[in-house]
Amino acid sequence: MNTKRVKNIIEALGKHKDEESIEVLNDLGTNCPIDEIRELTSKALIRKNTHKSLELMIVNKGKGINDLSARVAMCAINELLALKDKQEAIKILDDTINMHSEKEVQDTARSVKALMSFSS
């Protein structure tokens, strides 16, 4: 696989303003068995900083901050910490802490929210 080509495609999708780009990144990138692709996808989705893209990376078990790969999860967490406008991410983290049915996802959201409060 040509990693540079894939990276360019993910970055281009990350810059698209339409909602369909989020779906493509979710369908192809977050479900990829290759950690590096999931990392790049997490970065692109978090940098979009929309409700839908952030929700995918925060709420879904096995994706973003809840990825089974520590490398991918840490990459997603670092991108959240790097956001200039953290307001939407914090709202989604709060909702996840208060309403998600999976305790693991709630605990991860709680930890990330604590980190974000220290990084502001």
N, C-alpha and C. Protein backbone atom coordinates (compact mmCIF):
# COMPACT_ATOMS: atom_id res chain seq x y z
N MET A 1 0.83 -1.17 0.00
CA MET A 1 0.00 0.00 0.00
C MET A 1 0.88 1.24 0.00
N ASN A 2 0.48 2.21 -0.77
CA ASN A 2 1.21 3.47 -0.84
C ASN A 2 0.71 4.39 0.29
N THR A 3 1.44 4.41 1.40
CA THR A 3 1.02 5.14 2.59
C THR A 3 0.89 6.63 2.33
N LYS A 4 1.80 7.19 1.54
CA LYS A 4 1.75 8.63 1.25
C LYS A 4 0.46 8.98 0.51
N ARG A 5 0.07 8.14 -0.42
CA ARG A 5 -1.15 8.37 -1.18
C ARG A 5 -2.38 8.30 -0.27
N VAL A 6 -2.40 7.29 0.60
CA VAL A 6 -3.52 7.14 1.54
C VAL A 6 -3.57 8.33 2.49
N LYS A 7 -2.42 8.76 2.98
CA LYS A 7 -2.35 9.92 3.88
C LYS A 7 -2.92 11.16 3.20
N ASN A 8 -2.56 11.37 1.93
CA ASN A 8 -3.07 12.52 1.19
C ASN A 8 -4.59 12.46 1.02
N ILE A 9 -5.12 11.27 0.79
CA ILE A 9 -6.57 11.11 0.63
C ILE A 9 -7.28 11.41 1.94
N ILE A 10 -6.75 10.89 3.05
CA ILE A 10 -7.36 11.14 4.36
C ILE A 10 -7.31 12.63 4.70
N GLU A 11 -6.18 13.27 4.44
CA GLU A 11 -6.06 14.71 4.70
C GLU A 11 -7.05 15.51 3.85
N ALA A 12 -7.21 15.11 2.59
CA ALA A 12 -8.15 15.81 1.71
C ALA A 12 -9.58 15.65 2.21
N LEU A 13 -9.94 14.44 2.62
CA LEU A 13 -11.28 14.22 3.17
C LEU A 13 -11.48 15.01 4.46
N GLY A 14 -10.42 15.14 5.24
CA GLY A 14 -10.49 15.91 6.47
C GLY A 14 -10.76 17.39 6.22
N LYS A 15 -10.35 17.89 5.07
CA LYS A 15 -10.54 19.30 4.74
C LYS A 15 -11.89 19.59 4.08
N HIS A 16 -12.58 18.54 3.62
CA HIS A 16 -13.89 18.73 3.00
C HIS A 16 -14.88 19.23 4.03
N LYS A 17 -15.76 20.12 3.62
CA LYS A 17 -16.75 20.70 4.52
C LYS A 17 -18.04 19.87 4.59
N ASP A 18 -18.26 19.01 3.62
CA ASP A 18 -19.52 18.27 3.59
C ASP A 18 -19.55 17.11 4.60
N GLU A 19 -20.76 16.75 5.01
CA GLU A 19 -20.95 15.68 5.99
C GLU A 19 -20.58 14.31 5.43
N GLU A 20 -20.65 14.15 4.13
CA GLU A 20 -20.33 12.86 3.51
C GLU A 20 -18.87 12.47 3.74
N SER A 21 -18.00 13.45 3.84
CA SER A 21 -16.58 13.14 4.07
C SER A 21 -16.41 12.47 5.43
N ILE A 22 -17.23 12.86 6.40
CA ILE A 22 -17.18 12.23 7.72
C ILE A 22 -17.57 10.77 7.63
N GLU A 23 -18.61 10.50 6.85
CA GLU A 23 -19.06 9.11 6.68
C GLU A 23 -18.00 8.26 5.99
N VAL A 24 -17.35 8.81 4.98
CA VAL A 24 -16.30 8.07 4.27
C VAL A 24 -15.15 7.76 5.22
N LEU A 25 -14.71 8.76 5.97
CA LEU A 25 -13.63 8.55 6.93
C LEU A 25 -14.03 7.52 7.98
N ASN A 26 -15.25 7.58 8.44
CA ASN A 26 -15.73 6.61 9.42
C ASN A 26 -15.78 5.21 8.84
N ASP A 27 -16.38 5.06 7.68
CA ASP A 27 -16.55 3.74 7.08
C ASP A 27 -15.23 3.08 6.72
N LEU A 28 -14.34 3.85 6.13
CA LEU A 28 -13.09 3.27 5.63
C LEU A 28 -11.93 3.38 6.61
N GLY A 29 -11.76 4.55 7.20
CA GLY A 29 -10.58 4.79 8.03
C GLY A 29 -10.65 4.24 9.43
N THR A 30 -11.79 4.43 10.11
CA THR A 30 -11.86 3.98 11.50
C THR A 30 -12.02 2.48 11.62
N ASN A 31 -12.38 1.83 10.53
CA ASN A 31 -12.55 0.37 10.55
C ASN A 31 -11.37 -0.37 9.94
N CYS A 32 -10.36 0.35 9.54
CA CYS A 32 -9.19 -0.25 8.91
C CYS A 32 -8.37 -1.05 9.94
N PRO A 33 -7.87 -2.21 9.54
CA PRO A 33 -7.05 -2.99 10.48
C PRO A 33 -5.65 -2.41 10.71
N ILE A 34 -5.26 -1.40 9.95
CA ILE A 34 -3.92 -0.82 10.06
C ILE A 34 -3.96 0.37 11.02
N ASP A 35 -3.20 0.29 12.10
CA ASP A 35 -3.18 1.34 13.13
C ASP A 35 -2.88 2.71 12.54
N GLU A 36 -1.91 2.80 11.67
CA GLU A 36 -1.51 4.09 11.11
C GLU A 36 -2.67 4.76 10.37
N ILE A 37 -3.47 3.99 9.67
CA ILE A 37 -4.62 4.55 8.95
C ILE A 37 -5.67 5.04 9.95
N ARG A 38 -5.90 4.27 11.01
CA ARG A 38 -6.86 4.71 12.03
C ARG A 38 -6.36 5.97 12.74
N GLU A 39 -5.06 6.07 12.95
CA GLU A 39 -4.48 7.28 13.56
C GLU A 39 -4.73 8.51 12.68
N LEU A 40 -4.40 8.38 11.41
CA LEU A 40 -4.59 9.49 10.48
C LEU A 40 -6.06 9.88 10.38
N THR A 41 -6.93 8.88 10.41
CA THR A 41 -8.36 9.14 10.33
C THR A 41 -8.85 9.85 11.59
N SER A 42 -8.38 9.41 12.75
CA SER A 42 -8.76 10.07 13.99
C SER A 42 -8.35 11.53 13.98
N LYS A 43 -7.13 11.79 13.54
CA LYS A 43 -6.64 13.17 13.46
C LYS A 43 -7.53 14.01 12.55
N ALA A 44 -7.84 13.47 11.38
CA ALA A 44 -8.65 14.21 10.41
C ALA A 44 -10.05 14.50 10.95
N LEU A 45 -10.66 13.51 11.59
CA LEU A 45 -12.01 13.71 12.12
C LEU A 45 -12.02 14.69 13.29
N ILE A 46 -11.05 14.62 14.16
CA ILE A 46 -11.02 15.53 15.30
C ILE A 46 -10.72 16.96 14.83
N ARG A 47 -9.84 17.11 13.87
CA ARG A 47 -9.52 18.44 13.36
C ARG A 47 -10.72 19.10 12.69
N LYS A 48 -11.66 18.31 12.19
CA LYS A 48 -12.89 18.88 11.63
C LYS A 48 -13.65 19.65 12.71
N ASN A 49 -13.60 19.14 13.93
CA ASN A 49 -14.18 19.80 15.10
C ASN A 49 -15.67 20.11 14.92
N THR A 50 -16.40 19.15 14.34
CA THR A 50 -17.86 19.25 14.23
C THR A 50 -18.47 18.27 15.22
N HIS A 51 -19.74 18.48 15.52
CA HIS A 51 -20.40 17.58 16.47
C HIS A 51 -20.32 16.13 15.99
N LYS A 52 -20.65 15.91 14.74
CA LYS A 52 -20.69 14.55 14.21
C LYS A 52 -19.30 13.89 14.22
N SER A 53 -18.28 14.62 13.78
CA SER A 53 -16.94 14.02 13.70
C SER A 53 -16.38 13.76 15.10
N LEU A 54 -16.60 14.68 16.03
CA LEU A 54 -16.11 14.50 17.39
C LEU A 54 -16.86 13.37 18.09
N GLU A 55 -18.14 13.30 17.86
CA GLU A 55 -18.94 12.24 18.48
C GLU A 55 -18.44 10.85 18.06
N LEU A 56 -18.08 10.70 16.79
CA LEU A 56 -17.53 9.43 16.33
C LEU A 56 -16.27 9.04 17.09
N MET A 57 -15.43 10.02 17.38
CA MET A 57 -14.15 9.76 18.02
C MET A 57 -14.23 9.64 19.54
N ILE A 58 -15.31 10.14 20.14
CA ILE A 58 -15.44 10.13 21.59
C ILE A 58 -16.39 9.04 22.09
N VAL A 59 -17.49 8.84 21.42
CA VAL A 59 -18.57 8.00 21.92
C VAL A 59 -18.44 6.53 21.52
N ASN A 60 -17.93 6.26 20.35
CA ASN A 60 -17.96 4.90 19.82
C ASN A 60 -16.89 3.99 20.41
N LYS A 61 -17.32 2.88 20.91
CA LYS A 61 -16.39 1.88 21.44
C LYS A 61 -15.57 1.32 20.28
N GLY A 62 -14.26 1.25 20.47
CA GLY A 62 -13.37 0.71 19.45
C GLY A 62 -12.88 1.74 18.44
N LYS A 63 -13.26 3.00 18.63
CA LYS A 63 -12.83 4.05 17.71
C LYS A 63 -12.31 5.25 18.49
N GLY A 64 -11.43 6.01 17.88
CA GLY A 64 -10.94 7.25 18.49
C GLY A 64 -10.31 7.03 19.84
N ILE A 65 -10.82 7.71 20.85
CA ILE A 65 -10.25 7.60 22.20
C ILE A 65 -10.50 6.24 22.82
N ASN A 66 -11.40 5.47 22.23
CA ASN A 66 -11.74 4.14 22.73
C ASN A 66 -11.15 3.02 21.87
N ASP A 67 -10.21 3.36 21.00
CA ASP A 67 -9.60 2.37 20.12
C ASP A 67 -8.85 1.33 20.95
N LEU A 68 -8.83 0.10 20.48
CA LEU A 68 -8.14 -0.97 21.19
C LEU A 68 -6.63 -0.80 21.15
N SER A 69 -6.14 -0.08 20.17
CA SER A 69 -4.71 0.21 20.08
C SER A 69 -4.41 1.45 20.92
N ALA A 70 -3.53 1.31 21.88
CA ALA A 70 -3.16 2.45 22.73
C ALA A 70 -2.57 3.58 21.88
N ARG A 71 -1.85 3.23 20.85
CA ARG A 71 -1.23 4.22 19.97
C ARG A 71 -2.29 5.08 19.29
N VAL A 72 -3.33 4.44 18.80
CA VAL A 72 -4.41 5.17 18.13
C VAL A 72 -5.20 6.01 19.14
N ALA A 73 -5.52 5.42 20.28
CA ALA A 73 -6.28 6.13 21.31
C ALA A 73 -5.51 7.37 21.79
N MET A 74 -4.22 7.23 22.04
CA MET A 74 -3.41 8.36 22.49
C MET A 74 -3.31 9.44 21.41
N CYS A 75 -3.23 9.04 20.18
CA CYS A 75 -3.21 10.00 19.08
C CYS A 75 -4.50 10.82 19.08
N ALA A 76 -5.63 10.14 19.25
CA ALA A 76 -6.93 10.83 19.29
C ALA A 76 -7.00 11.77 20.49
N ILE A 77 -6.55 11.31 21.63
CA ILE A 77 -6.56 12.14 22.84
C ILE A 77 -5.68 13.37 22.65
N ASN A 78 -4.50 13.19 22.10
CA ASN A 78 -3.60 14.32 21.85
C ASN A 78 -4.21 15.34 20.89
N GLU A 79 -4.94 14.85 19.88
CA GLU A 79 -5.60 15.77 18.94
C GLU A 79 -6.70 16.56 19.65
N LEU A 80 -7.44 15.90 20.54
CA LEU A 80 -8.47 16.61 21.30
C LEU A 80 -7.84 17.68 22.18
N LEU A 81 -6.73 17.35 22.80
CA LEU A 81 -6.03 18.31 23.65
C LEU A 81 -5.50 19.50 22.86
N ALA A 82 -5.19 19.28 21.60
CA ALA A 82 -4.62 20.32 20.75
C ALA A 82 -5.67 21.25 20.14
N LEU A 83 -6.94 20.89 20.25
CA LEU A 83 -7.98 21.75 19.68
C LEU A 83 -7.95 23.13 20.30
N LYS A 84 -8.12 24.14 19.48
CA LYS A 84 -8.19 25.50 20.00
C LYS A 84 -9.56 25.74 20.63
N ASP A 85 -10.60 25.29 19.95
CA ASP A 85 -11.96 25.41 20.47
C ASP A 85 -12.41 24.04 20.97
N LYS A 86 -12.38 23.88 22.26
CA LYS A 86 -12.69 22.58 22.88
C LYS A 86 -14.15 22.46 23.33
N GLN A 87 -14.94 23.49 23.10
CA GLN A 87 -16.30 23.56 23.62
C GLN A 87 -17.15 22.37 23.19
N GLU A 88 -17.19 22.05 21.91
CA GLU A 88 -18.02 20.94 21.43
C GLU A 88 -17.52 19.60 21.96
N ALA A 89 -16.22 19.43 22.00
CA ALA A 89 -15.64 18.18 22.51
C ALA A 89 -16.00 17.98 23.97
N ILE A 90 -15.93 19.04 24.76
CA ILE A 90 -16.26 18.93 26.19
C ILE A 90 -17.74 18.62 26.37
N LYS A 91 -18.60 19.20 25.54
CA LYS A 91 -20.03 18.91 25.62
C LYS A 91 -20.28 17.43 25.33
N ILE A 92 -19.64 16.89 24.32
CA ILE A 92 -19.81 15.48 23.97
C ILE A 92 -19.24 14.59 25.06
N LEU A 93 -18.10 14.97 25.62
CA LEU A 93 -17.53 14.20 26.74
C LEU A 93 -18.49 14.18 27.93
N ASP A 94 -19.07 15.33 28.25
CA ASP A 94 -20.05 15.39 29.35
C ASP A 94 -21.24 14.48 29.09
N ASP A 95 -21.78 14.56 27.88
CA ASP A 95 -22.92 13.70 27.51
C ASP A 95 -22.55 12.23 27.61
N THR A 96 -21.34 11.89 27.18
CA THR A 96 -20.88 10.50 27.23
C THR A 96 -20.75 10.03 28.67
N ILE A 97 -20.19 10.87 29.52
CA ILE A 97 -20.02 10.53 30.93
C ILE A 97 -21.38 10.29 31.59
N ASN A 98 -22.35 11.11 31.26
CA ASN A 98 -23.65 11.05 31.91
C ASN A 98 -24.62 10.04 31.31
N MET A 99 -24.46 9.70 30.02
CA MET A 99 -25.51 8.92 29.38
C MET A 99 -25.08 7.63 28.68
N HIS A 100 -23.80 7.39 28.50
CA HIS A 100 -23.39 6.20 27.75
C HIS A 100 -23.64 4.95 28.57
N SER A 101 -24.01 3.88 27.89
CA SER A 101 -24.34 2.63 28.58
C SER A 101 -23.11 1.81 28.97
N GLU A 102 -21.98 2.03 28.32
CA GLU A 102 -20.75 1.28 28.59
C GLU A 102 -19.90 2.02 29.62
N LYS A 103 -19.61 1.36 30.72
CA LYS A 103 -18.80 1.98 31.79
C LYS A 103 -17.40 2.32 31.30
N GLU A 104 -16.80 1.45 30.49
CA GLU A 104 -15.45 1.72 29.96
C GLU A 104 -15.41 3.02 29.16
N VAL A 105 -16.42 3.21 28.32
CA VAL A 105 -16.49 4.42 27.50
C VAL A 105 -16.68 5.65 28.39
N GLN A 106 -17.52 5.52 29.41
CA GLN A 106 -17.72 6.62 30.37
C GLN A 106 -16.41 6.96 31.08
N ASP A 107 -15.70 5.94 31.53
CA ASP A 107 -14.44 6.17 32.26
C ASP A 107 -13.39 6.83 31.37
N THR A 108 -13.31 6.40 30.13
CA THR A 108 -12.36 7.02 29.20
C THR A 108 -12.72 8.48 28.97
N ALA A 109 -14.01 8.75 28.77
CA ALA A 109 -14.47 10.12 28.56
C ALA A 109 -14.15 10.98 29.79
N ARG A 110 -14.34 10.43 30.96
CA ARG A 110 -14.05 11.16 32.21
C ARG A 110 -12.56 11.51 32.28
N SER A 111 -11.71 10.56 31.94
CA SER A 111 -10.26 10.80 31.97
C SER A 111 -9.83 11.84 30.96
N VAL A 112 -10.38 11.76 29.75
CA VAL A 112 -10.02 12.72 28.70
C VAL A 112 -10.52 14.12 29.09
N LYS A 113 -11.71 14.19 29.66
CA LYS A 113 -12.23 15.49 30.08
C LYS A 113 -11.32 16.10 31.14
N ALA A 114 -10.84 15.28 32.07
CA ALA A 114 -9.92 15.79 33.10
C ALA A 114 -8.64 16.32 32.45
N LEU A 115 -8.11 15.60 31.50
CA LEU A 115 -6.90 16.06 30.80
C LEU A 115 -7.17 17.38 30.07
N MET A 116 -8.33 17.48 29.45
CA MET A 116 -8.67 18.70 28.71
C MET A 116 -8.81 19.90 29.64
N SER A 117 -9.30 19.67 30.84
CA SER A 117 -9.46 20.78 31.78
C SER A 117 -8.09 21.30 32.24
N PHE A 118 -7.09 20.42 32.29
CA PHE A 118 -5.75 20.84 32.66
C PHE A 118 -5.01 21.50 31.50
N SER A 119 -5.40 21.21 30.28
CA SER A 119 -4.68 21.74 29.12
C SER A 119 -5.22 23.08 28.64
N SER A 120 -6.32 23.53 29.21
CA SER A 120 -6.92 24.79 28.74
C SER A 120 -6.16 26.00 29.18
